[in-house]
Amino acid sequence: MITRMLRITGMVIPISLFTFALSSNAALADPWTDGSSSVYVTDTSDKAGIGTTTPATQLEVNHDANSYWGLRLKNTYSGGHSWTMGDGKSAHGGFSIYDDTAAADRLFIASTGKIGIGSSSPSRLLHLKNSASDTGIRIESTGTNADFLLYSGVGSADKFGIYDEDASLDRLVIDSSGNVGIGTTSPSYKLDVNGDIGVNETLYGPASTALTLQSATGRAMIFNTNGSNERMRDN
């Protein structure tokens, strides 16, 4: 007896594993057609099932057990990876794209609809997790030559930053105490700016205490108008 096989990108599957739901006009027909270099379903209205005798879609794979299952895609060429798509390998009950070569979930969708990248237990609608020193989202526009990175972890610190990839500079940093730095990655105050600040309207102080303007020790405080016209100096 000759066993017919189905070959899909490096995988060989015995055709006997498939159950076919044939269209009425093809009830007695052979569901497979052997081409010179491919095997395909003869009638495009037919449905193939693995683990089910009543497939509802073009290809349906069922697995009735409390264990991991999925469709594996493997490239055996040097440097190639093995990937499995199916029921969550790290967390049963969701859908995952699992990197078998690196033994890691690359994308996980929980039954709640939450999506994890690097996490098999996402706690928000989109949860990014990385064991490296920083985890972020890169936003790049080639039309306007704008390239920014929103990321968590400046070096090994517990900080959130907006990084300018084009200029290789941190534009904004928020540390774990809530201090915000512009032009500095180590803010010492609620707002720490390393550079010039422009105010087009009024600078208001608190209602119950005085507004304090303080320069660094040994530095003068200068008030200018129109850019460089000095009006007052306190040495």
C-alpha atoms as a PDB file:
ATOM      1  CA  MET A   1       0.000   0.000   0.000  1.00  0.00           C
ATOM      2  CA  ILE A   2       1.312   3.465  -0.904  1.00  0.00           C
ATOM      3  CA  THR A   3       0.825   6.121   1.752  1.00  0.00           C
ATOM      4  CA  ARG A   4       0.269   9.531   0.228  1.00  0.00           C
ATOM      5  CA  MET A   5       1.918  12.469   1.948  1.00  0.00           C
ATOM      6  CA  LEU A   6       1.377  16.220   2.080  1.00  0.00           C
ATOM      7  CA  ARG A   7       4.511  18.364   2.097  1.00  0.00           C
ATOM      8  CA  ILE A   8       4.308  21.952   3.452  1.00  0.00           C
ATOM      9  CA  THR A   9       7.500  24.010   3.594  1.00  0.00           C
ATOM     10  CA  GLY A  10       9.747  21.300   4.924  1.00  0.00           C
ATOM     11  CA  MET A  11       6.992  19.377   6.782  1.00  0.00           C
ATOM     12  CA  VAL A  12       5.677  16.008   5.628  1.00  0.00           C
ATOM     13  CA  ILE A  13       2.201  15.025   6.896  1.00  0.00           C
ATOM     14  CA  PRO A  14       0.455  11.709   6.142  1.00  0.00           C
ATOM     15  CA  ILE A  15      -2.732  12.548   4.256  1.00  0.00           C
ATOM     16  CA  SER A  16      -4.503   9.864   6.286  1.00  0.00           C
ATOM     17  CA  LEU A  17      -4.388  12.227   9.279  1.00  0.00           C
ATOM     18  CA  PHE A  18      -6.823  14.575   7.536  1.00  0.00           C
ATOM     19  CA  THR A  19     -10.603  14.334   7.580  1.00  0.00           C
ATOM     20  CA  PHE A  20     -12.368  16.001   4.673  1.00  0.00           C
ATOM     21  CA  ALA A  21     -15.829  17.533   4.549  1.00  0.00           C
ATOM     22  CA  LEU A  22     -16.535  17.190   0.835  1.00  0.00           C
ATOM     23  CA  SER A  23     -18.990  19.237  -1.181  1.00  0.00           C
ATOM     24  CA  SER A  24     -22.061  17.283  -2.366  1.00  0.00           C
ATOM     25  CA  ASN A  25     -20.921  17.135  -5.985  1.00  0.00           C
ATOM     26  CA  ALA A  26     -17.561  15.706  -4.960  1.00  0.00           C
ATOM     27  CA  ALA A  27     -18.724  13.091  -2.484  1.00  0.00           C
ATOM     28  CA  LEU A  28     -16.954  10.276  -4.335  1.00  0.00           C
ATOM     29  CA  ALA A  29     -14.047  12.271  -5.683  1.00  0.00           C
ATOM     30  CA  ASP A  30     -10.448  12.076  -4.550  1.00  0.00           C
ATOM     31  CA  PRO A  31      -9.971  15.171  -2.347  1.00  0.00           C
ATOM     32  CA  TRP A  32      -6.304  15.536  -3.403  1.00  0.00           C
ATOM     33  CA  THR A  33      -4.774  16.342  -6.753  1.00  0.00           C
ATOM     34  CA  ASP A  34      -1.138  15.424  -7.353  1.00  0.00           C
ATOM     35  CA  GLY A  35       0.634  18.081  -9.397  1.00  0.00           C
ATOM     36  CA  SER A  36       4.122  17.807 -10.804  1.00  0.00           C
ATOM     37  CA  SER A  37       5.606  19.647  -7.824  1.00  0.00           C
ATOM     38  CA  SER A  38       2.684  20.129  -5.397  1.00  0.00           C
ATOM     39  CA  VAL A  39      -0.308  18.465  -3.787  1.00  0.00           C
ATOM     40  CA  TYR A  40      -3.516  20.442  -3.359  1.00  0.00           C
ATOM     41  CA  VAL A  41      -7.190  20.001  -2.500  1.00  0.00           C
ATOM     42  CA  THR A  42      -9.139  19.242  -5.656  1.00  0.00           C
ATOM     43  CA  ASP A  43     -12.329  21.123  -4.752  1.00  0.00           C
ATOM     44  CA  THR A  44     -11.784  24.517  -3.112  1.00  0.00           C
ATOM     45  CA  SER A  45     -15.106  24.159  -1.281  1.00  0.00           C
ATOM     46  CA  ASP A  46     -13.754  21.165   0.652  1.00  0.00           C
ATOM     47  CA  LYS A  47     -12.606  21.606   4.256  1.00  0.00           C
ATOM     48  CA  ALA A  48      -9.745  19.776   5.973  1.00  0.00           C
ATOM     49  CA  GLY A  49      -9.828  18.752   9.614  1.00  0.00           C
ATOM     50  CA  ILE A  50      -7.113  17.478  11.972  1.00  0.00           C
ATOM     51  CA  GLY A  51      -8.604  16.086  15.166  1.00  0.00           C
ATOM     52  CA  THR A  52     -12.163  16.762  13.970  1.00  0.00           C
ATOM     53  CA  THR A  53     -14.573  15.095  11.555  1.00  0.00           C
ATOM     54  CA  THR A  54     -16.606  18.277  11.034  1.00  0.00           C
ATOM     55  CA  PRO A  55     -14.208  21.059  10.066  1.00  0.00           C
ATOM     56  CA  ALA A  56     -15.932  24.450   9.917  1.00  0.00           C
ATOM     57  CA  THR A  57     -13.209  26.309   8.001  1.00  0.00           C
ATOM     58  CA  GLN A  58     -10.771  25.546   5.183  1.00  0.00           C
ATOM     59  CA  LEU A  59      -8.406  24.063   7.790  1.00  0.00           C
ATOM     60  CA  GLU A  60      -9.440  23.270  11.361  1.00  0.00           C
ATOM     61  CA  VAL A  61      -7.123  21.731  13.962  1.00  0.00           C
ATOM     62  CA  ASN A  62      -8.658  20.407  17.204  1.00  0.00           C
ATOM     63  CA  HIS A  63      -6.935  19.051  20.291  1.00  0.00           C
ATOM     64  CA  ASP A  64      -9.006  17.605  23.128  1.00  0.00           C
ATOM     65  CA  ALA A  65      -6.459  17.537  25.963  1.00  0.00           C
ATOM     66  CA  ASN A  66      -5.117  19.836  28.674  1.00  0.00           C
ATOM     67  CA  SER A  67      -1.775  20.295  26.981  1.00  0.00           C
ATOM     68  CA  TYR A  68      -0.017  22.555  24.515  1.00  0.00           C
ATOM     69  CA  TRP A  69      -0.759  22.158  20.826  1.00  0.00           C
ATOM     70  CA  GLY A  70      -0.251  24.129  17.652  1.00  0.00           C
ATOM     71  CA  LEU A  71       1.118  24.390  14.135  1.00  0.00           C
ATOM     72  CA  ARG A  72       4.900  24.300  13.935  1.00  0.00           C
ATOM     73  CA  LEU A  73       6.841  26.054  11.156  1.00  0.00           C
ATOM     74  CA  LYS A  74      10.484  25.075  11.074  1.00  0.00           C
ATOM     75  CA  ASN A  75      13.407  26.118   8.907  1.00  0.00           C
ATOM     76  CA  THR A  76      16.177  23.538   9.234  1.00  0.00           C
ATOM     77  CA  TYR A  77      18.650  25.617   7.236  1.00  0.00           C
ATOM     78  CA  SER A  78      21.614  27.061   9.144  1.00  0.00           C
ATOM     79  CA  GLY A  79      20.417  29.975  11.282  1.00  0.00           C
ATOM     80  CA  GLY A  80      16.768  29.074  10.805  1.00  0.00           C
ATOM     81  CA  HIS A  81      14.236  29.054  13.630  1.00  0.00           C
ATOM     82  CA  SER A  82      11.400  26.831  14.701  1.00  0.00           C
ATOM     83  CA  TRP A  83       8.090  28.571  15.454  1.00  0.00           C
ATOM     84  CA  THR A  84       4.836  27.217  16.870  1.00  0.00           C
ATOM     85  CA  MET A  85       1.479  28.968  16.611  1.00  0.00           C
ATOM     86  CA  GLY A  86      -1.320  27.691  18.790  1.00  0.00           C
ATOM     87  CA  ASP A  87      -2.600  27.340  22.335  1.00  0.00           C
ATOM     88  CA  GLY A  88      -0.293  29.280  24.677  1.00  0.00           C
ATOM     89  CA  LYS A  89       2.746  27.190  25.563  1.00  0.00           C
ATOM     90  CA  SER A  90       3.772  29.201  28.628  1.00  0.00           C
ATOM     91  CA  ALA A  91       0.164  29.881  29.696  1.00  0.00           C
ATOM     92  CA  HIS A  92      -2.555  27.458  28.647  1.00  0.00           C
ATOM     93  CA  GLY A  93      -5.764  28.986  27.286  1.00  0.00           C
ATOM     94  CA  GLY A  94      -4.428  31.790  25.102  1.00  0.00           C
ATOM     95  CA  PHE A  95      -2.946  32.038  21.616  1.00  0.00           C
ATOM     96  CA  SER A  96       0.796  32.393  21.190  1.00  0.00           C
ATOM     97  CA  ILE A  97       3.543  32.645  18.629  1.00  0.00           C
ATOM     98  CA  TYR A  98       6.262  30.666  20.346  1.00  0.00           C
ATOM     99  CA  ASP A  99       9.948  30.676  19.402  1.00  0.00           C
ATOM    100  CA  ASP A 100      10.951  27.032  19.916  1.00  0.00           C
ATOM    101  CA  THR A 101      14.579  27.799  19.129  1.00  0.00           C
ATOM    102  CA  ALA A 102      14.870  30.449  21.862  1.00  0.00           C
ATOM    103  CA  ALA A 103      12.231  28.790  24.115  1.00  0.00           C
ATOM    104  CA  ALA A 104      10.275  32.042  24.500  1.00  0.00           C
ATOM    105  CA  ASP A 105       6.810  33.406  23.802  1.00  0.00           C
ATOM    106  CA  ARG A 106       7.213  36.211  21.261  1.00  0.00           C
ATOM    107  CA  LEU A 107       3.528  37.175  21.190  1.00  0.00           C
ATOM    108  CA  PHE A 108       0.712  36.038  23.458  1.00  0.00           C
ATOM    109  CA  ILE A 109      -3.003  36.854  23.312  1.00  0.00           C
ATOM    110  CA  ALA A 110      -4.829  35.937  26.516  1.00  0.00           C
ATOM    111  CA  SER A 111      -8.436  34.765  26.576  1.00  0.00           C
ATOM    112  CA  THR A 112      -9.317  38.240  27.929  1.00  0.00           C
ATOM    113  CA  GLY A 113      -8.047  39.850  24.712  1.00  0.00           C
ATOM    114  CA  LYS A 114      -4.950  41.333  26.346  1.00  0.00           C
ATOM    115  CA  ILE A 115      -1.788  41.139  24.255  1.00  0.00           C
ATOM    116  CA  GLY A 116       1.654  40.401  25.621  1.00  0.00           C
ATOM    117  CA  ILE A 117       4.942  40.873  23.781  1.00  0.00           C
ATOM    118  CA  GLY A 118       7.615  39.153  25.839  1.00  0.00           C
ATOM    119  CA  SER A 119       4.982  38.323  28.462  1.00  0.00           C
ATOM    120  CA  SER A 120       2.650  35.329  28.710  1.00  0.00           C
ATOM    121  CA  SER A 121       0.553  37.022  31.417  1.00  0.00           C
ATOM    122  CA  PRO A 122      -0.347  40.478  30.062  1.00  0.00           C
ATOM    123  CA  SER A 123      -2.021  42.727  32.643  1.00  0.00           C
ATOM    124  CA  ARG A 124      -3.041  45.479  30.214  1.00  0.00           C
ATOM    125  CA  LEU A 125      -4.471  45.573  26.687  1.00  0.00           C
ATOM    126  CA  LEU A 126      -0.861  45.787  25.455  1.00  0.00           C
ATOM    127  CA  HIS A 127       1.914  44.615  27.762  1.00  0.00           C
ATOM    128  CA  LEU A 128       5.581  44.789  26.700  1.00  0.00           C
ATOM    129  CA  LYS A 129       8.222  42.972  28.732  1.00  0.00           C
ATOM    130  CA  ASN A 130      11.936  42.550  28.169  1.00  0.00           C
ATOM    131  CA  SER A 131      14.731  41.232  30.357  1.00  0.00           C
ATOM    132  CA  ALA A 132      17.228  43.622  28.739  1.00  0.00           C
ATOM    133  CA  SER A 133      18.081  47.045  30.208  1.00  0.00           C
ATOM    134  CA  ASP A 134      15.331  48.832  28.299  1.00  0.00           C
ATOM    135  CA  THR A 135      11.968  48.018  26.744  1.00  0.00           C
ATOM    136  CA  GLY A 136      10.347  50.390  24.334  1.00  0.00           C
ATOM    137  CA  ILE A 137       8.296  51.271  21.294  1.00  0.00           C
ATOM    138  CA  ARG A 138      10.028  52.854  18.324  1.00  0.00           C
ATOM    139  CA  ILE A 139       8.054  55.362  16.242  1.00  0.00           C
ATOM    140  CA  GLU A 140       9.736  56.264  12.958  1.00  0.00           C
ATOM    141  CA  SER A 141       8.587  58.425  10.062  1.00  0.00           C
ATOM    142  CA  THR A 142      10.817  58.277   7.010  1.00  0.00           C
ATOM    143  CA  GLY A 143       8.848  61.067   5.348  1.00  0.00           C
ATOM    144  CA  THR A 144       9.594  63.638   8.070  1.00  0.00           C
ATOM    145  CA  ASN A 145      12.871  62.051   9.203  1.00  0.00           C
ATOM    146  CA  ALA A 146      11.508  61.701  12.756  1.00  0.00           C
ATOM    147  CA  ASP A 147      12.602  58.716  14.821  1.00  0.00           C
ATOM    148  CA  PHE A 148      11.703  58.446  18.517  1.00  0.00           C
ATOM    149  CA  LEU A 149      11.784  55.711  21.118  1.00  0.00           C
ATOM    150  CA  LEU A 150       9.403  55.530  24.086  1.00  0.00           C
ATOM    151  CA  TYR A 151      11.045  53.222  26.569  1.00  0.00           C
ATOM    152  CA  SER A 152      11.277  52.043  30.155  1.00  0.00           C
ATOM    153  CA  GLY A 153      14.675  51.848  31.810  1.00  0.00           C
ATOM    154  CA  VAL A 154      17.402  54.388  31.102  1.00  0.00           C
ATOM    155  CA  GLY A 155      20.459  52.169  31.456  1.00  0.00           C
ATOM    156  CA  SER A 156      19.703  50.073  34.547  1.00  0.00           C
ATOM    157  CA  ALA A 157      17.621  52.797  36.234  1.00  0.00           C
ATOM    158  CA  ASP A 158      13.900  52.682  36.940  1.00  0.00           C
ATOM    159  CA  LYS A 159      12.983  55.472  34.537  1.00  0.00           C
ATOM    160  CA  PHE A 160      10.746  56.200  31.564  1.00  0.00           C
ATOM    161  CA  GLY A 161      12.149  58.156  28.654  1.00  0.00           C
ATOM    162  CA  ILE A 162      11.511  59.645  25.228  1.00  0.00           C
ATOM    163  CA  TYR A 163      14.667  59.158  23.189  1.00  0.00           C
ATOM    164  CA  ASP A 164      15.549  60.892  19.920  1.00  0.00           C
ATOM    165  CA  GLU A 165      17.175  58.223  17.742  1.00  0.00           C
ATOM    166  CA  ASP A 166      18.304  60.738  15.101  1.00  0.00           C
ATOM    167  CA  ALA A 167      20.106  62.995  17.587  1.00  0.00           C
ATOM    168  CA  SER A 168      21.029  60.162  20.004  1.00  0.00           C
ATOM    169  CA  LEU A 169      19.646  62.200  22.914  1.00  0.00           C
ATOM    170  CA  ASP A 170      17.137  61.697  25.721  1.00  0.00           C
ATOM    171  CA  ARG A 171      14.500  64.385  25.231  1.00  0.00           C
ATOM    172  CA  LEU A 172      12.465  63.655  28.367  1.00  0.00           C
ATOM    173  CA  VAL A 173      12.975  61.409  31.394  1.00  0.00           C
ATOM    174  CA  ILE A 174      10.660  60.605  34.322  1.00  0.00           C
ATOM    175  CA  ASP A 175      12.329  58.861  37.254  1.00  0.00           C
ATOM    176  CA  SER A 176      10.769  56.604  39.890  1.00  0.00           C
ATOM    177  CA  SER A 177      10.199  59.537  42.292  1.00  0.00           C
ATOM    178  CA  GLY A 178       8.198  61.455  39.694  1.00  0.00           C
ATOM    179  CA  ASN A 179      10.902  63.979  38.837  1.00  0.00           C
ATOM    180  CA  VAL A 180      10.850  65.065  35.194  1.00  0.00           C
ATOM    181  CA  GLY A 181      14.048  65.843  33.335  1.00  0.00           C
ATOM    182  CA  ILE A 182      14.349  67.695  30.030  1.00  0.00           C
ATOM    183  CA  GLY A 183      17.884  67.647  28.733  1.00  0.00           C
ATOM    184  CA  THR A 184      19.020  65.536  31.693  1.00  0.00           C
ATOM    185  CA  THR A 185      18.585  61.871  32.609  1.00  0.00           C
ATOM    186  CA  SER A 186      19.043  62.525  36.357  1.00  0.00           C
ATOM    187  CA  PRO A 187      16.443  65.128  37.366  1.00  0.00           C
ATOM    188  CA  SER A 188      16.799  66.460  40.938  1.00  0.00           C
ATOM    189  CA  TYR A 189      13.520  68.407  40.986  1.00  0.00           C
ATOM    190  CA  LYS A 190       9.914  67.948  39.947  1.00  0.00           C
ATOM    191  CA  LEU A 191      10.933  69.687  36.723  1.00  0.00           C
ATOM    192  CA  ASP A 192      14.648  69.808  35.971  1.00  0.00           C
ATOM    193  CA  VAL A 193      15.549  71.511  32.689  1.00  0.00           C
ATOM    194  CA  ASN A 194      19.059  71.635  31.269  1.00  0.00           C
ATOM    195  CA  GLY A 195      18.679  74.424  28.724  1.00  0.00           C
ATOM    196  CA  ASP A 196      16.649  77.535  28.016  1.00  0.00           C
ATOM    197  CA  ILE A 197      12.978  77.893  28.939  1.00  0.00           C
ATOM    198  CA  GLY A 198      10.609  80.169  27.055  1.00  0.00           C
ATOM    199  CA  VAL A 199       7.384  81.510  28.606  1.00  0.00           C
ATOM    200  CA  ASN A 200       4.978  83.365  26.300  1.00  0.00           C
ATOM    201  CA  GLU A 201       2.428  84.223  28.957  1.00  0.00           C
ATOM    202  CA  THR A 202       2.525  84.530  32.750  1.00  0.00           C
ATOM    203  CA  LEU A 203       4.543  82.398  35.145  1.00  0.00           C
ATOM    204  CA  TYR A 204       2.362  81.838  38.212  1.00  0.00           C
ATOM    205  CA  GLY A 205       3.535  80.788  41.658  1.00  0.00           C
ATOM    206  CA  PRO A 206       1.596  78.864  44.338  1.00  0.00           C
ATOM    207  CA  ALA A 207      -1.369  80.611  45.968  1.00  0.00           C
ATOM    208  CA  SER A 208      -0.257  80.065  49.572  1.00  0.00           C
ATOM    209  CA  THR A 209       3.537  80.422  49.410  1.00  0.00           C
ATOM    210  CA  ALA A 210       6.090  82.598  47.693  1.00  0.00           C
ATOM    211  CA  LEU A 211       7.440  81.932  44.224  1.00  0.00           C
ATOM    212  CA  THR A 212      11.165  81.260  44.563  1.00  0.00           C
ATOM    213  CA  LEU A 213      13.625  81.679  41.719  1.00  0.00           C
ATOM    214  CA  GLN A 214      17.026  80.352  42.691  1.00  0.00           C
ATOM    215  CA  SER A 215      20.289  80.077  40.788  1.00  0.00           C
ATOM    216  CA  ALA A 216      23.093  77.680  41.597  1.00  0.00           C
ATOM    217  CA  THR A 217      25.619  78.672  44.262  1.00  0.00           C
ATOM    218  CA  GLY A 218      28.080  81.226  42.911  1.00  0.00           C
ATOM    219  CA  ARG A 219      25.972  81.969  39.851  1.00  0.00           C
ATOM    220  CA  ALA A 220      24.261  85.263  39.094  1.00  0.00           C
ATOM    221  CA  MET A 221      20.538  85.556  38.371  1.00  0.00           C
ATOM    222  CA  ILE A 222      19.915  87.758  35.344  1.00  0.00           C
ATOM    223  CA  PHE A 223      16.602  89.077  34.008  1.00  0.00           C
ATOM    224  CA  ASN A 224      16.599  89.975  30.313  1.00  0.00           C
ATOM    225  CA  THR A 225      13.994  91.336  27.930  1.00  0.00           C
ATOM    226  CA  ASN A 226      13.938  90.923  24.162  1.00  0.00           C
ATOM    227  CA  GLY A 227      16.494  88.195  24.339  1.00  0.00           C
ATOM    228  CA  SER A 228      19.685  89.961  25.476  1.00  0.00           C
ATOM    229  CA  ASN A 229      18.623  93.294  27.026  1.00  0.00           C
ATOM    230  CA  GLU A 230      19.618  92.954  30.651  1.00  0.00           C
ATOM    231  CA  ARG A 231      17.168  94.593  33.061  1.00  0.00           C
ATOM    232  CA  MET A 232      18.245  93.222  36.416  1.00  0.00           C
ATOM    233  CA  ARG A 233      21.099  91.173  37.869  1.00  0.00           C
ATOM    234  CA  ASP A 234      21.532  89.601  41.281  1.00  0.00           C
ATOM    235  CA  ASN A 235      25.068  88.428  41.955  1.00  0.00           C
END
